[in-house]
Amino acid sequence: MTTAELIVAIVIFAIAGIGLFLGIRSFMERGFLFNNAYIYANKEERKLMDKKPYYRQTAIVFCFLSIAFVIIGISVVLKNYKIELLEIPLFIALIIYVSVSTLKINKHKK
C-alpha cells in the first residue's frame, strides 16, 4: 500500500466515523437537524414542527452513508474495487427508505 492510498483510506474512514457520530447524535435528537424540511422552514415553523421523525430520518441516512464510506475504505485497503459494487443495493435501499419515510412523515403531518 502506497502512502497516497494510506492517506486516502484514513480520510475515508474518518468521514465514515464523522457520519456515524452525526447519526448517533441525531438518534439522540441532539445537535443541528440536517434535514431539508427543517433547514428550509422559517423560524415559526421550526418552533411548531415535531422534530423527532426528522431526526430519526437524518440519523438513518447518516448511518447508511457511514456504511458506504466504510465499504469504500475497505475497497481501497484491499485494492479490490469490485467490493464497491456492494454500495448499489445500499443506495437503492437508502433511496427507498428516504422516499417512504418522507411520505409517512408528510402523511402524519396532515
PDB file of N, CA and C in Angstrom:
ATOM      1  N   MET A   1       0.853  -1.174   0.000  1.00  0.00           N
ATOM      2  CA  MET A   1       0.000   0.000   0.000  1.00  0.00           C
ATOM      3  C   MET A   1       0.895   1.232   0.000  1.00  0.00           C
ATOM      4  N   THR A   2       0.640   2.112  -0.940  1.00  0.00           N
ATOM      5  CA  THR A   2       1.435   3.333  -1.031  1.00  0.00           C
ATOM      6  C   THR A   2       0.971   4.338   0.016  1.00  0.00           C
ATOM      7  N   THR A   3       1.759   5.366   0.182  1.00  0.00           N
ATOM      8  CA  THR A   3       1.423   6.409   1.146  1.00  0.00           C
ATOM      9  C   THR A   3       0.136   7.122   0.748  1.00  0.00           C
ATOM     10  N   ALA A   4      -0.032   7.360  -0.538  1.00  0.00           N
ATOM     11  CA  ALA A   4      -1.243   8.038  -1.014  1.00  0.00           C
ATOM     12  C   ALA A   4      -2.488   7.198  -0.711  1.00  0.00           C
ATOM     13  N   GLU A   5      -2.398   5.889  -0.948  1.00  0.00           N
ATOM     14  CA  GLU A   5      -3.541   5.017  -0.658  1.00  0.00           C
ATOM     15  C   GLU A   5      -3.837   4.994   0.833  1.00  0.00           C
ATOM     16  N   LEU A   6      -2.789   5.008   1.655  1.00  0.00           N
ATOM     17  CA  LEU A   6      -2.974   5.021   3.101  1.00  0.00           C
ATOM     18  C   LEU A   6      -3.669   6.302   3.546  1.00  0.00           C
ATOM     19  N   ILE A   7      -3.254   7.432   2.998  1.00  0.00           N
ATOM     20  CA  ILE A   7      -3.873   8.712   3.344  1.00  0.00           C
ATOM     21  C   ILE A   7      -5.338   8.733   2.904  1.00  0.00           C
ATOM     22  N   VAL A   8      -5.600   8.228   1.687  1.00  0.00           N
ATOM     23  CA  VAL A   8      -6.980   8.179   1.192  1.00  0.00           C
ATOM     24  C   VAL A   8      -7.835   7.296   2.096  1.00  0.00           C
ATOM     25  N   ALA A   9      -7.309   6.146   2.488  1.00  0.00           N
ATOM     26  CA  ALA A   9      -8.053   5.232   3.364  1.00  0.00           C
ATOM     27  C   ALA A   9      -8.338   5.886   4.714  1.00  0.00           C
ATOM     28  N   ILE A  10      -7.363   6.572   5.276  1.00  0.00           N
ATOM     29  CA  ILE A  10      -7.559   7.242   6.565  1.00  0.00           C
ATOM     30  C   ILE A  10      -8.640   8.318   6.451  1.00  0.00           C
ATOM     31  N   VAL A  11      -8.586   9.102   5.382  1.00  0.00           N
ATOM     32  CA  VAL A  11      -9.588  10.160   5.183  1.00  0.00           C
ATOM     33  C   VAL A  11     -10.979   9.553   5.022  1.00  0.00           C
ATOM     34  N   ILE A  12     -11.078   8.472   4.245  1.00  0.00           N
ATOM     35  CA  ILE A  12     -12.381   7.838   4.016  1.00  0.00           C
ATOM     36  C   ILE A  12     -12.932   7.262   5.313  1.00  0.00           C
ATOM     37  N   PHE A  13     -12.096   6.590   6.094  1.00  0.00           N
ATOM     38  CA  PHE A  13     -12.573   6.050   7.367  1.00  0.00           C
ATOM     39  C   PHE A  13     -12.915   7.171   8.352  1.00  0.00           C
ATOM     40  N   ALA A  14     -12.207   8.297   8.273  1.00  0.00           N
ATOM     41  CA  ALA A  14     -12.540   9.445   9.128  1.00  0.00           C
ATOM     42  C   ALA A  14     -13.909  10.007   8.756  1.00  0.00           C
ATOM     43  N   ILE A  15     -14.188  10.090   7.458  1.00  0.00           N
ATOM     44  CA  ILE A  15     -15.509  10.559   7.014  1.00  0.00           C
ATOM     45  C   ILE A  15     -16.594   9.592   7.488  1.00  0.00           C
ATOM     46  N   ALA A  16     -16.310   8.291   7.429  1.00  0.00           N
ATOM     47  CA  ALA A  16     -17.269   7.293   7.924  1.00  0.00           C
ATOM     48  C   ALA A  16     -17.509   7.481   9.418  1.00  0.00           C
ATOM     49  N   GLY A  17     -16.443   7.756  10.156  1.00  0.00           N
ATOM     50  CA  GLY A  17     -16.578   7.991  11.595  1.00  0.00           C
ATOM     51  C   GLY A  17     -17.387   9.239  11.901  1.00  0.00           C
ATOM     52  N   ILE A  18     -17.173  10.293  11.142  1.00  0.00           N
ATOM     53  CA  ILE A  18     -17.938  11.524  11.334  1.00  0.00           C
ATOM     54  C   ILE A  18     -19.415  11.270  11.030  1.00  0.00           C
ATOM     55  N   GLY A  19     -19.678  10.526   9.962  1.00  0.00           N
ATOM     56  CA  GLY A  19     -21.059  10.189   9.621  1.00  0.00           C
ATOM     57  C   GLY A  19     -21.726   9.379  10.716  1.00  0.00           C
ATOM     58  N   LEU A  20     -21.007   8.415  11.268  1.00  0.00           N
ATOM     59  CA  LEU A  20     -21.553   7.616  12.360  1.00  0.00           C
ATOM     60  C   LEU A  20     -21.801   8.479  13.596  1.00  0.00           C
ATOM     61  N   PHE A  21     -20.872   9.375  13.889  1.00  0.00           N
ATOM     62  CA  PHE A  21     -21.024  10.288  15.021  1.00  0.00           C
ATOM     63  C   PHE A  21     -22.275  11.160  14.853  1.00  0.00           C
ATOM     64  N   LEU A  22     -22.452  11.729  13.650  1.00  0.00           N
ATOM     65  CA  LEU A  22     -23.631  12.563  13.399  1.00  0.00           C
ATOM     66  C   LEU A  22     -24.911  11.731  13.446  1.00  0.00           C
ATOM     67  N   GLY A  23     -24.845  10.479  12.988  1.00  0.00           N
ATOM     68  CA  GLY A  23     -26.002   9.598  13.061  1.00  0.00           C
ATOM     69  C   GLY A  23     -26.404   9.304  14.493  1.00  0.00           C
ATOM     70  N   ILE A  24     -25.423   9.017  15.324  1.00  0.00           N
ATOM     71  CA  ILE A  24     -25.706   8.732  16.735  1.00  0.00           C
ATOM     72  C   ILE A  24     -26.279   9.967  17.421  1.00  0.00           C
ATOM     73  N   ARG A  25     -25.697  11.138  17.138  1.00  0.00           N
ATOM     74  CA  ARG A  25     -26.218  12.371  17.734  1.00  0.00           C
ATOM     75  C   ARG A  25     -27.642  12.655  17.267  1.00  0.00           C
ATOM     76  N   SER A  26     -27.937  12.321  16.026  1.00  0.00           N
ATOM     77  CA  SER A  26     -29.297  12.530  15.531  1.00  0.00           C
ATOM     78  C   SER A  26     -30.267  11.551  16.179  1.00  0.00           C
ATOM     79  N   PHE A  27     -29.832  10.305  16.415  1.00  0.00           N
ATOM     80  CA  PHE A  27     -30.693   9.367  17.141  1.00  0.00           C
ATOM     81  C   PHE A  27     -30.982   9.874  18.544  1.00  0.00           C
ATOM     82  N   MET A  28     -30.027  10.572  19.136  1.00  0.00           N
ATOM     83  CA  MET A  28     -30.209  11.138  20.473  1.00  0.00           C
ATOM     84  C   MET A  28     -30.980  12.463  20.437  1.00  0.00           C
ATOM     85  N   GLU A  29     -31.319  12.927  19.218  1.00  0.00           N
ATOM     86  CA  GLU A  29     -32.023  14.188  18.993  1.00  0.00           C
ATOM     87  C   GLU A  29     -31.250  15.374  19.553  1.00  0.00           C
ATOM     88  N   ARG A  30     -29.978  15.380  19.285  1.00  0.00           N
ATOM     89  CA  ARG A  30     -29.109  16.472  19.728  1.00  0.00           C
ATOM     90  C   ARG A  30     -28.400  17.074  18.528  1.00  0.00           C
ATOM     91  N   GLY A  31     -28.041  18.327  18.660  1.00  0.00           N
ATOM     92  CA  GLY A  31     -27.295  18.995  17.609  1.00  0.00           C
ATOM     93  C   GLY A  31     -28.202  19.540  16.520  1.00  0.00           C
ATOM     94  N   PHE A  32     -27.555  20.061  15.495  1.00  0.00           N
ATOM     95  CA  PHE A  32     -28.286  20.648  14.380  1.00  0.00           C
ATOM     96  C   PHE A  32     -29.019  19.557  13.614  1.00  0.00           C
ATOM     97  N   LEU A  33     -30.209  19.874  13.159  1.00  0.00           N
ATOM     98  CA  LEU A  33     -31.022  18.922  12.401  1.00  0.00           C
ATOM     99  C   LEU A  33     -30.709  19.098  10.913  1.00  0.00           C
ATOM    100  N   PHE A  34     -29.946  18.164  10.360  1.00  0.00           N
ATOM    101  CA  PHE A  34     -29.548  18.211   8.957  1.00  0.00           C
ATOM    102  C   PHE A  34     -30.647  17.593   8.090  1.00  0.00           C
ATOM    103  N   ASN A  35     -31.760  18.302   7.961  1.00  0.00           N
ATOM    104  CA  ASN A  35     -32.884  17.812   7.179  1.00  0.00           C
ATOM    105  C   ASN A  35     -33.465  18.996   6.426  1.00  0.00           C
ATOM    106  N   ASN A  36     -33.763  18.800   5.143  1.00  0.00           N
ATOM    107  CA  ASN A  36     -34.270  19.904   4.326  1.00  0.00           C
ATOM    108  C   ASN A  36     -35.563  20.486   4.869  1.00  0.00           C
ATOM    109  N   ALA A  37     -36.424  19.664   5.418  1.00  0.00           N
ATOM    110  CA  ALA A  37     -37.681  20.171   5.961  1.00  0.00           C
ATOM    111  C   ALA A  37     -37.415  21.180   7.072  1.00  0.00           C
ATOM    112  N   TYR A  38     -36.408  20.939   7.870  1.00  0.00           N
ATOM    113  CA  TYR A  38     -36.055  21.847   8.962  1.00  0.00           C
ATOM    114  C   TYR A  38     -35.264  23.045   8.440  1.00  0.00           C
ATOM    115  N   ILE A  39     -34.330  22.784   7.543  1.00  0.00           N
ATOM    116  CA  ILE A  39     -33.460  23.858   7.047  1.00  0.00           C
ATOM    117  C   ILE A  39     -34.265  24.917   6.295  1.00  0.00           C
ATOM    118  N   TYR A  40     -35.222  24.479   5.479  1.00  0.00           N
ATOM    119  CA  TYR A  40     -35.993  25.430   4.681  1.00  0.00           C
ATOM    120  C   TYR A  40     -37.198  26.002   5.408  1.00  0.00           C
ATOM    121  N   ALA A  41     -37.490  25.548   6.601  1.00  0.00           N
ATOM    122  CA  ALA A  41     -38.618  26.087   7.369  1.00  0.00           C
ATOM    123  C   ALA A  41     -38.224  27.423   7.988  1.00  0.00           C
ATOM    124  N   ASN A  42     -39.207  28.305   8.121  1.00  0.00           N
ATOM    125  CA  ASN A  42     -38.911  29.573   8.788  1.00  0.00           C
ATOM    126  C   ASN A  42     -38.907  29.358  10.305  1.00  0.00           C
ATOM    127  N   LYS A  43     -38.583  30.401  11.038  1.00  0.00           N
ATOM    128  CA  LYS A  43     -38.428  30.263  12.490  1.00  0.00           C
ATOM    129  C   LYS A  43     -39.709  29.817  13.181  1.00  0.00           C
ATOM    130  N   GLU A  44     -40.839  30.301  12.730  1.00  0.00           N
ATOM    131  CA  GLU A  44     -42.113  29.916  13.352  1.00  0.00           C
ATOM    132  C   GLU A  44     -42.421  28.446  13.094  1.00  0.00           C
ATOM    133  N   GLU A  45     -42.201  28.002  11.857  1.00  0.00           N
ATOM    134  CA  GLU A  45     -42.452  26.595  11.528  1.00  0.00           C
ATOM    135  C   GLU A  45     -41.506  25.677  12.308  1.00  0.00           C
ATOM    136  N   ARG A  46     -40.264  26.108  12.491  1.00  0.00           N
ATOM    137  CA  ARG A  46     -39.292  25.295  13.242  1.00  0.00           C
ATOM    138  C   ARG A  46     -39.740  25.092  14.682  1.00  0.00           C
ATOM    139  N   LYS A  47     -40.314  26.125  15.266  1.00  0.00           N
ATOM    140  CA  LYS A  47     -40.764  26.010  16.651  1.00  0.00           C
ATOM    141  C   LYS A  47     -41.956  25.065  16.773  1.00  0.00           C
ATOM    142  N   LEU A  48     -42.812  25.050  15.759  1.00  0.00           N
ATOM    143  CA  LEU A  48     -44.037  24.260  15.822  1.00  0.00           C
ATOM    144  C   LEU A  48     -43.866  22.817  15.339  1.00  0.00           C
ATOM    145  N   MET A  49     -42.826  22.544  14.568  1.00  0.00           N
ATOM    146  CA  MET A  49     -42.716  21.207  13.967  1.00  0.00           C
ATOM    147  C   MET A  49     -42.258  20.163  14.972  1.00  0.00           C
ATOM    148  N   ASP A  50     -42.752  18.941  14.754  1.00  0.00           N
ATOM    149  CA  ASP A  50     -42.311  17.788  15.534  1.00  0.00           C
ATOM    150  C   ASP A  50     -41.008  17.298  14.897  1.00  0.00           C
ATOM    151  N   LYS A  51     -39.903  17.516  15.582  1.00  0.00           N
ATOM    152  CA  LYS A  51     -38.587  17.225  15.010  1.00  0.00           C
ATOM    153  C   LYS A  51     -38.185  15.763  15.110  1.00  0.00           C
ATOM    154  N   LYS A  52     -38.876  14.996  15.930  1.00  0.00           N
ATOM    155  CA  LYS A  52     -38.476  13.608  16.181  1.00  0.00           C
ATOM    156  C   LYS A  52     -38.382  12.766  14.904  1.00  0.00           C
ATOM    157  N   PRO A  53     -39.390  12.758  14.012  1.00  0.00           N
ATOM    158  CA  PRO A  53     -39.253  11.927  12.811  1.00  0.00           C
ATOM    159  C   PRO A  53     -38.143  12.410  11.880  1.00  0.00           C
ATOM    160  N   TYR A  54     -37.899  13.716  11.873  1.00  0.00           N
ATOM    161  CA  TYR A  54     -36.834  14.247  11.028  1.00  0.00           C
ATOM    162  C   TYR A  54     -35.454  13.862  11.573  1.00  0.00           C
ATOM    163  N   TYR A  55     -35.293  13.899  12.897  1.00  0.00           N
ATOM    164  CA  TYR A  55     -34.037  13.451  13.497  1.00  0.00           C
ATOM    165  C   TYR A  55     -33.790  11.976  13.186  1.00  0.00           C
ATOM    166  N   ARG A  56     -34.847  11.167  13.273  1.00  0.00           N
ATOM    167  CA  ARG A  56     -34.705   9.734  13.006  1.00  0.00           C
ATOM    168  C   ARG A  56     -34.316   9.498  11.550  1.00  0.00           C
ATOM    169  N   GLN A  57     -34.985  10.175  10.641  1.00  0.00           N
ATOM    170  CA  GLN A  57     -34.667  10.023   9.225  1.00  0.00           C
ATOM    171  C   GLN A  57     -33.226  10.453   8.949  1.00  0.00           C
ATOM    172  N   THR A  58     -32.814  11.559   9.509  1.00  0.00           N
ATOM    173  CA  THR A  58     -31.457  12.048   9.324  1.00  0.00           C
ATOM    174  C   THR A  58     -30.439  11.074   9.902  1.00  0.00           C
ATOM    175  N   ALA A  59     -30.727  10.512  11.063  1.00  0.00           N
ATOM    176  CA  ALA A  59     -29.815   9.569  11.697  1.00  0.00           C
ATOM    177  C   ALA A  59     -29.624   8.324  10.839  1.00  0.00           C
ATOM    178  N   ILE A  60     -30.704   7.805  10.306  1.00  0.00           N
ATOM    179  CA  ILE A  60     -30.603   6.604   9.471  1.00  0.00           C
ATOM    180  C   ILE A  60     -29.836   6.898   8.197  1.00  0.00           C
ATOM    181  N   VAL A  61     -30.048   8.057   7.605  1.00  0.00           N
ATOM    182  CA  VAL A  61     -29.306   8.425   6.391  1.00  0.00           C
ATOM    183  C   VAL A  61     -27.816   8.540   6.692  1.00  0.00           C
ATOM    184  N   PHE A  62     -27.457   9.165   7.804  1.00  0.00           N
ATOM    185  CA  PHE A  62     -26.041   9.273   8.156  1.00  0.00           C
ATOM    186  C   PHE A  62     -25.424   7.896   8.415  1.00  0.00           C
ATOM    187  N   CYS A  63     -26.167   7.006   9.016  1.00  0.00           N
ATOM    188  CA  CYS A  63     -25.649   5.647   9.243  1.00  0.00           C
ATOM    189  C   CYS A  63     -25.448   4.904   7.932  1.00  0.00           C
ATOM    190  N   PHE A  64     -26.387   5.043   6.998  1.00  0.00           N
ATOM    191  CA  PHE A  64     -26.233   4.439   5.673  1.00  0.00           C
ATOM    192  C   PHE A  64     -24.992   4.995   4.975  1.00  0.00           C
ATOM    193  N   LEU A  65     -24.814   6.314   5.027  1.00  0.00           N
ATOM    194  CA  LEU A  65     -23.646   6.926   4.385  1.00  0.00           C
ATOM    195  C   LEU A  65     -22.353   6.486   5.047  1.00  0.00           C
ATOM    196  N   SER A  66     -22.380   6.321   6.348  1.00  0.00           N
ATOM    197  CA  SER A  66     -21.205   5.832   7.061  1.00  0.00           C
ATOM    198  C   SER A  66     -20.833   4.428   6.589  1.00  0.00           C
ATOM    199  N   ILE A  67     -21.829   3.574   6.421  1.00  0.00           N
ATOM    200  CA  ILE A  67     -21.580   2.220   5.916  1.00  0.00           C
ATOM    201  C   ILE A  67     -20.999   2.283   4.502  1.00  0.00           C
ATOM    202  N   ALA A  68     -21.509   3.190   3.677  1.00  0.00           N
ATOM    203  CA  ALA A  68     -21.000   3.330   2.314  1.00  0.00           C
ATOM    204  C   ALA A  68     -19.528   3.735   2.327  1.00  0.00           C
ATOM    205  N   PHE A  69     -19.156   4.645   3.208  1.00  0.00           N
ATOM    206  CA  PHE A  69     -17.755   5.064   3.279  1.00  0.00           C
ATOM    207  C   PHE A  69     -16.867   3.961   3.846  1.00  0.00           C
ATOM    208  N   VAL A  70     -17.387   3.156   4.733  1.00  0.00           N
ATOM    209  CA  VAL A  70     -16.612   2.008   5.220  1.00  0.00           C
ATOM    210  C   VAL A  70     -16.351   1.038   4.064  1.00  0.00           C
ATOM    211  N   ILE A  71     -17.353   0.813   3.239  1.00  0.00           N
ATOM    212  CA  ILE A  71     -17.171  -0.071   2.081  1.00  0.00           C
ATOM    213  C   ILE A  71     -16.112   0.491   1.137  1.00  0.00           C
ATOM    214  N   ILE A  72     -16.158   1.785   0.884  1.00  0.00           N
ATOM    215  CA  ILE A  72     -15.145   2.411   0.033  1.00  0.00           C
ATOM    216  C   ILE A  72     -13.764   2.264   0.663  1.00  0.00           C
ATOM    217  N   GLY A  73     -13.661   2.495   1.967  1.00  0.00           N
ATOM    218  CA  GLY A  73     -12.384   2.372   2.658  1.00  0.00           C
ATOM    219  C   GLY A  73     -11.833   0.954   2.591  1.00  0.00           C
ATOM    220  N   ILE A  74     -12.688  -0.030   2.764  1.00  0.00           N
ATOM    221  CA  ILE A  74     -12.249  -1.425   2.681  1.00  0.00           C
ATOM    222  C   ILE A  74     -11.765  -1.744   1.276  1.00  0.00           C
ATOM    223  N   SER A  75     -12.454  -1.225   0.269  1.00  0.00           N
ATOM    224  CA  SER A  75     -12.023  -1.494  -1.102  1.00  0.00           C
ATOM    225  C   SER A  75     -10.678  -0.847  -1.402  1.00  0.00           C
ATOM    226  N   VAL A  76     -10.407   0.303  -0.813  1.00  0.00           N
ATOM    227  CA  VAL A  76      -9.099   0.951  -1.004  1.00  0.00           C
ATOM    228  C   VAL A  76      -8.011   0.155  -0.294  1.00  0.00           C
ATOM    229  N   VAL A  77      -8.278  -0.274   0.933  1.00  0.00           N
ATOM    230  CA  VAL A  77      -7.279  -1.019   1.703  1.00  0.00           C
ATOM    231  C   VAL A  77      -6.970  -2.365   1.048  1.00  0.00           C
ATOM    232  N   LEU A  78      -8.004  -3.049   0.581  1.00  0.00           N
ATOM    233  CA  LEU A  78      -7.815  -4.369  -0.014  1.00  0.00           C
ATOM    234  C   LEU A  78      -7.459  -4.306  -1.500  1.00  0.00           C
ATOM    235  N   LYS A  79      -7.510  -3.103  -2.082  1.00  0.00           N
ATOM    236  CA  LYS A  79      -7.237  -2.902  -3.506  1.00  0.00           C
ATOM    237  C   LYS A  79      -8.135  -3.782  -4.370  1.00  0.00           C
ATOM    238  N   ASN A  80      -9.354  -3.957  -3.935  1.00  0.00           N
ATOM    239  CA  ASN A  80     -10.339  -4.735  -4.673  1.00  0.00           C
ATOM    240  C   ASN A  80     -11.550  -3.829  -4.876  1.00  0.00           C
ATOM    241  N   TYR A  81     -11.619  -3.204  -6.028  1.00  0.00           N
ATOM    242  CA  TYR A  81     -12.657  -2.209  -6.252  1.00  0.00           C
ATOM    243  C   TYR A  81     -13.996  -2.822  -6.628  1.00  0.00           C
ATOM    244  N   LYS A  82     -14.055  -4.132  -6.776  1.00  0.00           N
ATOM    245  CA  LYS A  82     -15.337  -4.801  -7.002  1.00  0.00           C
ATOM    246  C   LYS A  82     -16.183  -4.784  -5.733  1.00  0.00           C
ATOM    247  N   ILE A  83     -15.534  -4.603  -4.593  1.00  0.00           N
ATOM    248  CA  ILE A  83     -16.265  -4.513  -3.321  1.00  0.00           C
ATOM    249  C   ILE A  83     -17.214  -3.320  -3.331  1.00  0.00           C
ATOM    250  N   GLU A  84     -16.852  -2.288  -4.079  1.00  0.00           N
ATOM    251  CA  GLU A  84     -17.695  -1.094  -4.137  1.00  0.00           C
ATOM    252  C   GLU A  84     -19.048  -1.372  -4.767  1.00  0.00           C
ATOM    253  N   LEU A  85     -19.198  -2.491  -5.457  1.00  0.00           N
ATOM    254  CA  LEU A  85     -20.497  -2.856  -6.023  1.00  0.00           C
ATOM    255  C   LEU A  85     -21.526  -3.131  -4.924  1.00  0.00           C
ATOM    256  N   LEU A  86     -21.045  -3.374  -3.706  1.00  0.00           N
ATOM    257  CA  LEU A  86     -21.962  -3.563  -2.578  1.00  0.00           C
ATOM    258  C   LEU A  86     -22.737  -2.285  -2.253  1.00  0.00           C
ATOM    259  N   GLU A  87     -22.246  -1.167  -2.753  1.00  0.00           N
ATOM    260  CA  GLU A  87     -22.924   0.099  -2.495  1.00  0.00           C
ATOM    261  C   GLU A  87     -24.213   0.239  -3.293  1.00  0.00           C
ATOM    262  N   ILE A  88     -24.321  -0.473  -4.397  1.00  0.00           N
ATOM    263  CA  ILE A  88     -25.513  -0.335  -5.240  1.00  0.00           C
ATOM    264  C   ILE A  88     -26.776  -0.717  -4.472  1.00  0.00           C
ATOM    265  N   PRO A  89     -26.852  -1.922  -3.882  1.00  0.00           N
ATOM    266  CA  PRO A  89     -28.075  -2.226  -3.118  1.00  0.00           C
ATOM    267  C   PRO A  89     -28.231  -1.328  -1.887  1.00  0.00           C
ATOM    268  N   LEU A  90     -27.113  -0.883  -1.330  1.00  0.00           N
ATOM    269  CA  LEU A  90     -27.171   0.012  -0.179  1.00  0.00           C
ATOM    270  C   LEU A  90     -27.839   1.327  -0.550  1.00  0.00           C
ATOM    271  N   PHE A  91     -27.432   1.914  -1.667  1.00  0.00           N
ATOM    272  CA  PHE A  91     -28.022   3.181  -2.082  1.00  0.00           C
ATOM    273  C   PHE A  91     -29.454   3.022  -2.584  1.00  0.00           C
ATOM    274  N   ILE A  92     -29.765   1.878  -3.187  1.00  0.00           N
ATOM    275  CA  ILE A  92     -31.152   1.627  -3.583  1.00  0.00           C
ATOM    276  C   ILE A  92     -32.031   1.556  -2.329  1.00  0.00           C
ATOM    277  N   ALA A  93     -31.558   0.847  -1.308  1.00  0.00           N
ATOM    278  CA  ALA A  93     -32.300   0.768  -0.049  1.00  0.00           C
ATOM    279  C   ALA A  93     -32.430   2.145   0.590  1.00  0.00           C
ATOM    280  N   LEU A  94     -31.385   2.950   0.520  1.00  0.00           N
ATOM    281  CA  LEU A  94     -31.420   4.299   1.094  1.00  0.00           C
ATOM    282  C   LEU A  94     -32.448   5.165   0.375  1.00  0.00           C
ATOM    283  N   ILE A  95     -32.480   5.102  -0.941  1.00  0.00           N
ATOM    284  CA  ILE A  95     -33.439   5.905  -1.705  1.00  0.00           C
ATOM    285  C   ILE A  95     -34.865   5.473  -1.393  1.00  0.00           C
ATOM    286  N   ILE A  96     -35.087   4.168  -1.304  1.00  0.00           N
ATOM    287  CA  ILE A  96     -36.422   3.674  -0.963  1.00  0.00           C
ATOM    288  C   ILE A  96     -36.805   4.117   0.443  1.00  0.00           C
ATOM    289  N   TYR A  97     -35.875   3.991   1.393  1.00  0.00           N
ATOM    290  CA  TYR A  97     -36.168   4.395   2.774  1.00  0.00           C
ATOM    291  C   TYR A  97     -36.527   5.876   2.849  1.00  0.00           C
ATOM    292  N   VAL A  98     -35.726   6.717   2.209  1.00  0.00           N
ATOM    293  CA  VAL A  98     -35.973   8.163   2.286  1.00  0.00           C
ATOM    294  C   VAL A  98     -37.319   8.507   1.662  1.00  0.00           C
ATOM    295  N   SER A  99     -37.642   7.883   0.538  1.00  0.00           N
ATOM    296  CA  SER A  99     -38.917   8.165  -0.119  1.00  0.00           C
ATOM    297  C   SER A  99     -40.097   7.744   0.754  1.00  0.00           C
ATOM    298  N   VAL A 100     -40.032   6.537   1.282  1.00  0.00           N
ATOM    299  CA  VAL A 100     -41.133   6.030   2.099  1.00  0.00           C
ATOM    300  C   VAL A 100     -41.262   6.817   3.404  1.00  0.00           C
ATOM    301  N   SER A 101     -40.134   7.098   4.047  1.00  0.00           N
ATOM    302  CA  SER A 101     -40.217   7.821   5.323  1.00  0.00           C
ATOM    303  C   SER A 101     -40.697   9.254   5.126  1.00  0.00           C
ATOM    304  N   THR A 102     -40.324   9.882   4.028  1.00  0.00           N
ATOM    305  CA  THR A 102     -40.811  11.231   3.760  1.00  0.00           C
ATOM    306  C   THR A 102     -42.320  11.215   3.539  1.00  0.00           C
ATOM    307  N   LEU A 103     -42.811  10.224   2.801  1.00  0.00           N
ATOM    308  CA  LEU A 103     -44.258  10.106   2.611  1.00  0.00           C
ATOM    309  C   LEU A 103     -44.971   9.871   3.937  1.00  0.00           C
ATOM    310  N   LYS A 104     -44.397   9.024   4.796  1.00  0.00           N
ATOM    311  CA  LYS A 104     -45.004   8.762   6.107  1.00  0.00           C
ATOM    312  C   LYS A 104     -45.028  10.023   6.969  1.00  0.00           C
ATOM    313  N   ILE A 105     -43.914  10.754   6.972  1.00  0.00           N
ATOM    314  CA  ILE A 105     -43.848  11.977   7.778  1.00  0.00           C
ATOM    315  C   ILE A 105     -44.890  12.981   7.288  1.00  0.00           C
ATOM    316  N   ASN A 106     -44.981  13.148   5.978  1.00  0.00           N
ATOM    317  CA  ASN A 106     -45.951  14.103   5.430  1.00  0.00           C
ATOM    318  C   ASN A 106     -47.389  13.649   5.664  1.00  0.00           C
ATOM    319  N   LYS A 107     -47.620  12.343   5.667  1.00  0.00           N
ATOM    320  CA  LYS A 107     -48.965  11.827   5.923  1.00  0.00           C
ATOM    321  C   LYS A 107     -49.389  12.099   7.372  1.00  0.00           C
ATOM    322  N   HIS A 108     -48.447  11.928   8.312  1.00  0.00           N
ATOM    323  CA  HIS A 108     -48.765  12.172   9.718  1.00  0.00           C
ATOM    324  C   HIS A 108     -48.890  13.658  10.017  1.00  0.00           C
ATOM    325  N   LYS A 109     -48.253  14.473   9.211  1.00  0.00           N
ATOM    326  CA  LYS A 109     -48.278  15.910   9.429  1.00  0.00           C
ATOM    327  C   LYS A 109     -49.646  16.497   9.126  1.00  0.00           C
ATOM    328  N   LYS A 110     -50.345  15.909   8.164  1.00  0.00           N
ATOM    329  CA  LYS A 110     -51.646  16.448   7.745  1.00  0.00           C
ATOM    330  C   LYS A 110     -52.777  15.995   8.594  1.00  0.00           C
TER     331      LYS A 110
END
